[in-house]
N, C-alpha and C. Protein backbone atom coordinates (compact mmCIF):
# COMPACT_ATOMS: atom_id res chain seq x y z
N MET A 1 35.83 -14.20 -10.56
CA MET A 1 34.57 -13.64 -10.16
C MET A 1 34.66 -12.13 -10.12
N ALA A 2 35.50 -11.54 -9.30
CA ALA A 2 35.57 -10.09 -9.16
C ALA A 2 36.25 -9.43 -10.36
N SER A 3 37.10 -10.15 -11.09
CA SER A 3 37.80 -9.55 -12.21
C SER A 3 36.86 -9.21 -13.36
N SER A 4 35.70 -9.87 -13.47
CA SER A 4 34.77 -9.59 -14.56
C SER A 4 33.85 -8.41 -14.26
N ILE A 5 33.85 -7.91 -13.04
CA ILE A 5 32.94 -6.85 -12.65
C ILE A 5 33.14 -5.57 -13.46
N PRO A 6 34.34 -5.01 -13.56
CA PRO A 6 34.48 -3.75 -14.28
C PRO A 6 34.02 -3.84 -15.73
N LYS A 7 34.34 -4.94 -16.42
CA LYS A 7 33.94 -5.10 -17.81
C LYS A 7 32.41 -5.13 -17.93
N VAL A 8 31.75 -5.87 -17.07
CA VAL A 8 30.29 -5.96 -17.09
C VAL A 8 29.68 -4.62 -16.73
N ALA A 9 30.21 -3.96 -15.71
CA ALA A 9 29.66 -2.70 -15.25
C ALA A 9 29.72 -1.62 -16.32
N THR A 10 30.74 -1.62 -17.15
CA THR A 10 30.83 -0.59 -18.19
C THR A 10 29.77 -0.77 -19.26
N LYS A 11 29.31 -1.98 -19.49
CA LYS A 11 28.28 -2.23 -20.50
C LYS A 11 26.91 -1.74 -20.06
N VAL A 12 26.67 -1.68 -18.78
CA VAL A 12 25.32 -1.36 -18.30
C VAL A 12 25.27 -0.02 -17.55
N LYS A 13 26.14 0.90 -17.89
CA LYS A 13 26.14 2.19 -17.21
C LYS A 13 24.85 2.97 -17.44
N ARG A 14 24.11 2.62 -18.47
CA ARG A 14 22.89 3.36 -18.77
C ARG A 14 21.65 2.79 -18.06
N VAL A 15 21.84 1.79 -17.21
CA VAL A 15 20.73 1.19 -16.46
C VAL A 15 20.82 1.63 -15.01
N PHE A 16 19.73 2.22 -14.52
CA PHE A 16 19.67 2.68 -13.14
C PHE A 16 18.45 2.05 -12.47
N PRO A 17 18.65 0.95 -11.72
CA PRO A 17 17.51 0.32 -11.05
C PRO A 17 16.83 1.31 -10.10
N LEU A 18 15.53 1.19 -9.98
CA LEU A 18 14.75 2.05 -9.10
C LEU A 18 14.44 1.34 -7.78
N PHE A 19 14.22 2.14 -6.76
CA PHE A 19 13.82 1.66 -5.44
C PHE A 19 14.76 0.57 -4.93
N ASN A 20 14.22 -0.61 -4.60
CA ASN A 20 15.06 -1.67 -4.02
C ASN A 20 15.38 -2.76 -5.04
N ARG A 21 15.50 -2.37 -6.29
CA ARG A 21 15.79 -3.36 -7.34
C ARG A 21 17.30 -3.48 -7.56
N VAL A 22 17.70 -4.69 -7.99
CA VAL A 22 19.11 -5.02 -8.15
C VAL A 22 19.29 -5.69 -9.52
N LEU A 23 20.24 -5.20 -10.31
CA LEU A 23 20.56 -5.79 -11.61
C LEU A 23 21.68 -6.80 -11.40
N ILE A 24 21.47 -8.03 -11.87
CA ILE A 24 22.41 -9.12 -11.61
C ILE A 24 22.78 -9.81 -12.91
N LYS A 25 24.06 -10.14 -13.04
CA LYS A 25 24.56 -10.96 -14.14
C LYS A 25 24.75 -12.36 -13.57
N ARG A 26 23.93 -13.31 -14.03
CA ARG A 26 24.04 -14.69 -13.55
C ARG A 26 25.33 -15.31 -14.05
N ASP A 27 25.87 -16.24 -13.26
CA ASP A 27 27.04 -17.00 -13.69
C ASP A 27 26.66 -17.87 -14.87
N ASP A 28 27.63 -18.21 -15.69
CA ASP A 28 27.40 -19.13 -16.80
C ASP A 28 27.23 -20.53 -16.25
N PRO A 29 26.36 -21.35 -16.86
CA PRO A 29 26.18 -22.72 -16.38
C PRO A 29 27.45 -23.54 -16.58
N ALA A 30 27.66 -24.50 -15.72
CA ALA A 30 28.84 -25.37 -15.80
C ALA A 30 28.77 -26.21 -17.07
N THR A 31 29.89 -26.31 -17.76
CA THR A 31 29.95 -27.13 -18.97
C THR A 31 30.63 -28.46 -18.69
N GLN A 32 31.27 -28.58 -17.51
CA GLN A 32 31.92 -29.82 -17.10
C GLN A 32 31.58 -30.12 -15.66
N SER A 33 31.56 -31.41 -15.33
CA SER A 33 31.35 -31.80 -13.93
C SER A 33 32.66 -31.58 -13.18
N LYS A 34 32.63 -31.72 -11.87
CA LYS A 34 33.84 -31.56 -11.07
C LYS A 34 34.89 -32.60 -11.42
N GLY A 35 34.45 -33.74 -11.92
CA GLY A 35 35.37 -34.80 -12.32
C GLY A 35 35.91 -34.63 -13.73
N GLY A 36 35.45 -33.58 -14.45
CA GLY A 36 35.96 -33.30 -15.78
C GLY A 36 35.12 -33.83 -16.92
N ILE A 37 33.95 -34.38 -16.62
CA ILE A 37 33.08 -34.92 -17.67
C ILE A 37 32.32 -33.76 -18.30
N VAL A 38 32.31 -33.70 -19.63
CA VAL A 38 31.59 -32.66 -20.35
C VAL A 38 30.09 -32.92 -20.25
N LEU A 39 29.34 -31.92 -19.82
CA LEU A 39 27.90 -32.07 -19.62
C LEU A 39 27.14 -31.73 -20.89
N PRO A 40 26.15 -32.56 -21.28
CA PRO A 40 25.32 -32.20 -22.43
C PRO A 40 24.38 -31.05 -22.06
N GLU A 41 23.84 -30.37 -23.06
CA GLU A 41 22.98 -29.21 -22.84
C GLU A 41 21.83 -29.50 -21.87
N ASN A 42 21.18 -30.66 -22.00
CA ASN A 42 20.02 -30.95 -21.17
C ASN A 42 20.37 -31.32 -19.73
N GLN A 43 21.65 -31.49 -19.41
CA GLN A 43 22.05 -31.84 -18.05
C GLN A 43 22.60 -30.65 -17.26
N LYS A 44 22.68 -29.50 -17.91
CA LYS A 44 23.20 -28.32 -17.22
C LYS A 44 22.16 -27.87 -16.20
N THR A 45 22.62 -27.51 -15.03
CA THR A 45 21.72 -27.11 -13.96
C THR A 45 21.40 -25.62 -14.05
N ARG A 46 20.34 -25.24 -13.41
CA ARG A 46 19.94 -23.84 -13.35
C ARG A 46 20.95 -23.09 -12.49
N VAL A 47 21.38 -21.93 -12.96
CA VAL A 47 22.39 -21.14 -12.26
C VAL A 47 21.72 -20.33 -11.16
N LEU A 48 22.16 -20.53 -9.93
CA LEU A 48 21.56 -19.85 -8.79
C LEU A 48 22.50 -18.84 -8.16
N ARG A 49 23.55 -18.48 -8.85
CA ARG A 49 24.50 -17.50 -8.34
C ARG A 49 24.72 -16.42 -9.38
N GLY A 50 25.12 -15.25 -8.91
CA GLY A 50 25.38 -14.17 -9.83
C GLY A 50 26.11 -13.03 -9.16
N THR A 51 26.46 -12.04 -9.97
CA THR A 51 27.19 -10.87 -9.50
C THR A 51 26.31 -9.65 -9.63
N VAL A 52 26.25 -8.84 -8.59
CA VAL A 52 25.47 -7.61 -8.60
C VAL A 52 26.18 -6.60 -9.50
N VAL A 53 25.45 -6.05 -10.46
CA VAL A 53 26.01 -5.09 -11.40
C VAL A 53 25.60 -3.66 -11.03
N ALA A 54 24.35 -3.47 -10.63
CA ALA A 54 23.85 -2.15 -10.26
C ALA A 54 22.74 -2.29 -9.23
N VAL A 55 22.60 -1.30 -8.37
CA VAL A 55 21.55 -1.31 -7.34
C VAL A 55 20.80 0.01 -7.36
N GLY A 56 19.55 -0.05 -6.93
CA GLY A 56 18.75 1.15 -6.80
C GLY A 56 19.10 1.88 -5.51
N PRO A 57 18.49 3.04 -5.29
CA PRO A 57 18.80 3.84 -4.11
C PRO A 57 18.23 3.28 -2.81
N GLY A 58 17.26 2.38 -2.90
CA GLY A 58 16.66 1.81 -1.70
C GLY A 58 15.19 2.18 -1.59
N GLN A 59 14.48 1.41 -0.82
CA GLN A 59 13.04 1.61 -0.60
C GLN A 59 12.84 2.61 0.54
N ARG A 60 11.67 3.19 0.62
CA ARG A 60 11.33 4.07 1.74
C ARG A 60 10.30 3.36 2.61
N ASN A 61 10.43 3.55 3.94
CA ASN A 61 9.46 2.94 4.85
C ASN A 61 8.24 3.83 4.99
N ASP A 62 7.31 3.47 5.88
CA ASP A 62 6.06 4.22 6.04
C ASP A 62 6.29 5.64 6.55
N ASN A 63 7.41 5.87 7.23
CA ASN A 63 7.72 7.21 7.74
C ASN A 63 8.48 8.05 6.73
N GLY A 64 8.75 7.51 5.56
CA GLY A 64 9.46 8.25 4.52
C GLY A 64 10.98 8.16 4.63
N GLN A 65 11.48 7.37 5.57
CA GLN A 65 12.93 7.21 5.72
C GLN A 65 13.43 6.16 4.74
N LYS A 66 14.59 6.44 4.13
CA LYS A 66 15.15 5.51 3.15
C LYS A 66 15.78 4.32 3.87
N ILE A 67 15.46 3.13 3.41
CA ILE A 67 16.04 1.90 3.93
C ILE A 67 17.26 1.60 3.06
N PRO A 68 18.46 1.58 3.63
CA PRO A 68 19.66 1.38 2.81
C PRO A 68 19.71 -0.03 2.22
N MET A 69 20.35 -0.14 1.06
CA MET A 69 20.51 -1.42 0.39
C MET A 69 21.59 -2.23 1.12
N THR A 70 21.43 -3.54 1.15
CA THR A 70 22.41 -4.40 1.82
C THR A 70 23.40 -5.02 0.84
N VAL A 71 23.14 -4.88 -0.46
CA VAL A 71 24.09 -5.36 -1.47
C VAL A 71 24.61 -4.17 -2.26
N LYS A 72 25.77 -4.35 -2.86
CA LYS A 72 26.38 -3.28 -3.66
C LYS A 72 26.97 -3.91 -4.92
N PRO A 73 27.27 -3.11 -5.95
CA PRO A 73 27.88 -3.67 -7.15
C PRO A 73 29.17 -4.43 -6.81
N GLY A 74 29.29 -5.60 -7.40
CA GLY A 74 30.46 -6.44 -7.16
C GLY A 74 30.19 -7.57 -6.17
N ASP A 75 29.09 -7.48 -5.40
CA ASP A 75 28.76 -8.55 -4.46
C ASP A 75 28.35 -9.80 -5.23
N TYR A 76 28.71 -10.94 -4.69
CA TYR A 76 28.36 -12.25 -5.26
C TYR A 76 27.21 -12.79 -4.44
N VAL A 77 26.08 -13.14 -5.08
CA VAL A 77 24.87 -13.50 -4.37
C VAL A 77 24.30 -14.83 -4.82
N ILE A 78 23.46 -15.41 -3.96
CA ILE A 78 22.69 -16.62 -4.28
C ILE A 78 21.27 -16.18 -4.60
N LEU A 79 20.73 -16.71 -5.69
CA LEU A 79 19.43 -16.30 -6.20
C LEU A 79 18.39 -17.41 -6.04
N PRO A 80 17.11 -17.06 -6.05
CA PRO A 80 16.08 -18.09 -5.99
C PRO A 80 15.99 -18.86 -7.31
N ASP A 81 15.33 -20.02 -7.27
CA ASP A 81 15.15 -20.84 -8.48
C ASP A 81 14.48 -20.06 -9.60
N TYR A 82 13.45 -19.32 -9.27
CA TYR A 82 12.67 -18.61 -10.28
C TYR A 82 12.53 -17.15 -9.87
N GLY A 83 12.15 -16.34 -10.83
CA GLY A 83 11.92 -14.93 -10.56
C GLY A 83 12.94 -14.06 -11.27
N GLY A 84 12.77 -12.79 -11.11
CA GLY A 84 13.64 -11.83 -11.75
C GLY A 84 13.18 -11.56 -13.18
N ALA A 85 13.26 -10.31 -13.56
CA ALA A 85 12.90 -9.92 -14.92
C ALA A 85 14.15 -10.03 -15.79
N ARG A 86 14.05 -10.74 -16.89
CA ARG A 86 15.19 -10.93 -17.80
C ARG A 86 15.34 -9.70 -18.69
N ILE A 87 16.56 -9.20 -18.78
CA ILE A 87 16.85 -8.02 -19.60
C ILE A 87 18.03 -8.36 -20.50
N GLU A 88 17.92 -8.02 -21.79
CA GLU A 88 19.02 -8.26 -22.72
C GLU A 88 19.58 -6.93 -23.18
N MET A 89 20.90 -6.77 -23.04
CA MET A 89 21.60 -5.56 -23.49
C MET A 89 22.92 -5.98 -24.10
N ASP A 90 23.21 -5.45 -25.27
CA ASP A 90 24.47 -5.72 -25.96
C ASP A 90 24.75 -7.22 -26.08
N GLY A 91 23.71 -8.02 -26.30
CA GLY A 91 23.87 -9.46 -26.46
C GLY A 91 24.08 -10.22 -25.16
N GLU A 92 24.07 -9.54 -24.03
CA GLU A 92 24.25 -10.17 -22.71
C GLU A 92 22.89 -10.23 -22.01
N HIS A 93 22.72 -11.24 -21.17
CA HIS A 93 21.47 -11.39 -20.41
C HIS A 93 21.72 -11.02 -18.95
N TYR A 94 20.84 -10.18 -18.41
CA TYR A 94 20.88 -9.76 -17.02
C TYR A 94 19.51 -10.03 -16.42
N PHE A 95 19.45 -9.97 -15.09
CA PHE A 95 18.18 -10.19 -14.41
C PHE A 95 18.00 -9.10 -13.36
N MET A 96 16.76 -8.59 -13.28
CA MET A 96 16.43 -7.57 -12.30
C MET A 96 15.61 -8.23 -11.20
N PHE A 97 16.12 -8.17 -9.98
CA PHE A 97 15.45 -8.74 -8.81
C PHE A 97 15.16 -7.63 -7.80
N ARG A 98 14.17 -7.85 -6.96
CA ARG A 98 14.00 -7.00 -5.79
C ARG A 98 15.03 -7.47 -4.77
N GLU A 99 15.54 -6.56 -3.98
CA GLU A 99 16.58 -6.93 -3.02
C GLU A 99 16.11 -8.02 -2.07
N ASN A 100 14.86 -7.98 -1.64
CA ASN A 100 14.38 -8.98 -0.68
C ASN A 100 14.18 -10.36 -1.32
N ASP A 101 14.30 -10.48 -2.66
CA ASP A 101 14.24 -11.78 -3.31
C ASP A 101 15.59 -12.49 -3.30
N ILE A 102 16.67 -11.75 -3.09
CA ILE A 102 18.01 -12.35 -3.06
C ILE A 102 18.14 -13.15 -1.77
N LEU A 103 18.60 -14.39 -1.89
CA LEU A 103 18.64 -15.29 -0.74
C LEU A 103 19.82 -15.05 0.19
N ALA A 104 21.00 -14.77 -0.37
CA ALA A 104 22.19 -14.60 0.47
C ALA A 104 23.27 -13.88 -0.30
N LYS A 105 24.18 -13.30 0.46
CA LYS A 105 25.36 -12.65 -0.11
C LYS A 105 26.53 -13.52 0.28
N LEU A 106 27.37 -13.89 -0.69
CA LEU A 106 28.53 -14.73 -0.43
C LEU A 106 29.76 -13.88 -0.14
N GLN A 107 30.54 -14.31 0.81
CA GLN A 107 31.74 -13.59 1.18
C GLN A 107 32.92 -14.22 0.46
N GLU A 108 33.75 -13.37 -0.15
CA GLU A 108 34.94 -13.88 -0.83
C GLU A 108 35.95 -14.34 0.23
N SER A 109 36.63 -15.44 -0.06
CA SER A 109 37.60 -15.96 0.91
C SER A 109 39.01 -15.60 0.54
């Protein structure tokens, strides 16, 4: 999980999310079940996890104060079923979400 971050981050150095937006690389769908059975294309589940690649500077509140971001590049997060703008760069697919659309941040053990 964390070892792929530097390679991914170097590909998207030219993307700077604005405000409270977060650029995420979704995990690849599972090709095998936990028991080792190869899954056909139509049985693969929707990927709800991903790695944060880039974050914006944060949103401003009504008083003009910047609200700091709670995620940072390299964080592993849980995503909603739907949403996010799909972006393709260098043959890779990324998704842009608003920070408040991210459901949870996973802690590495």
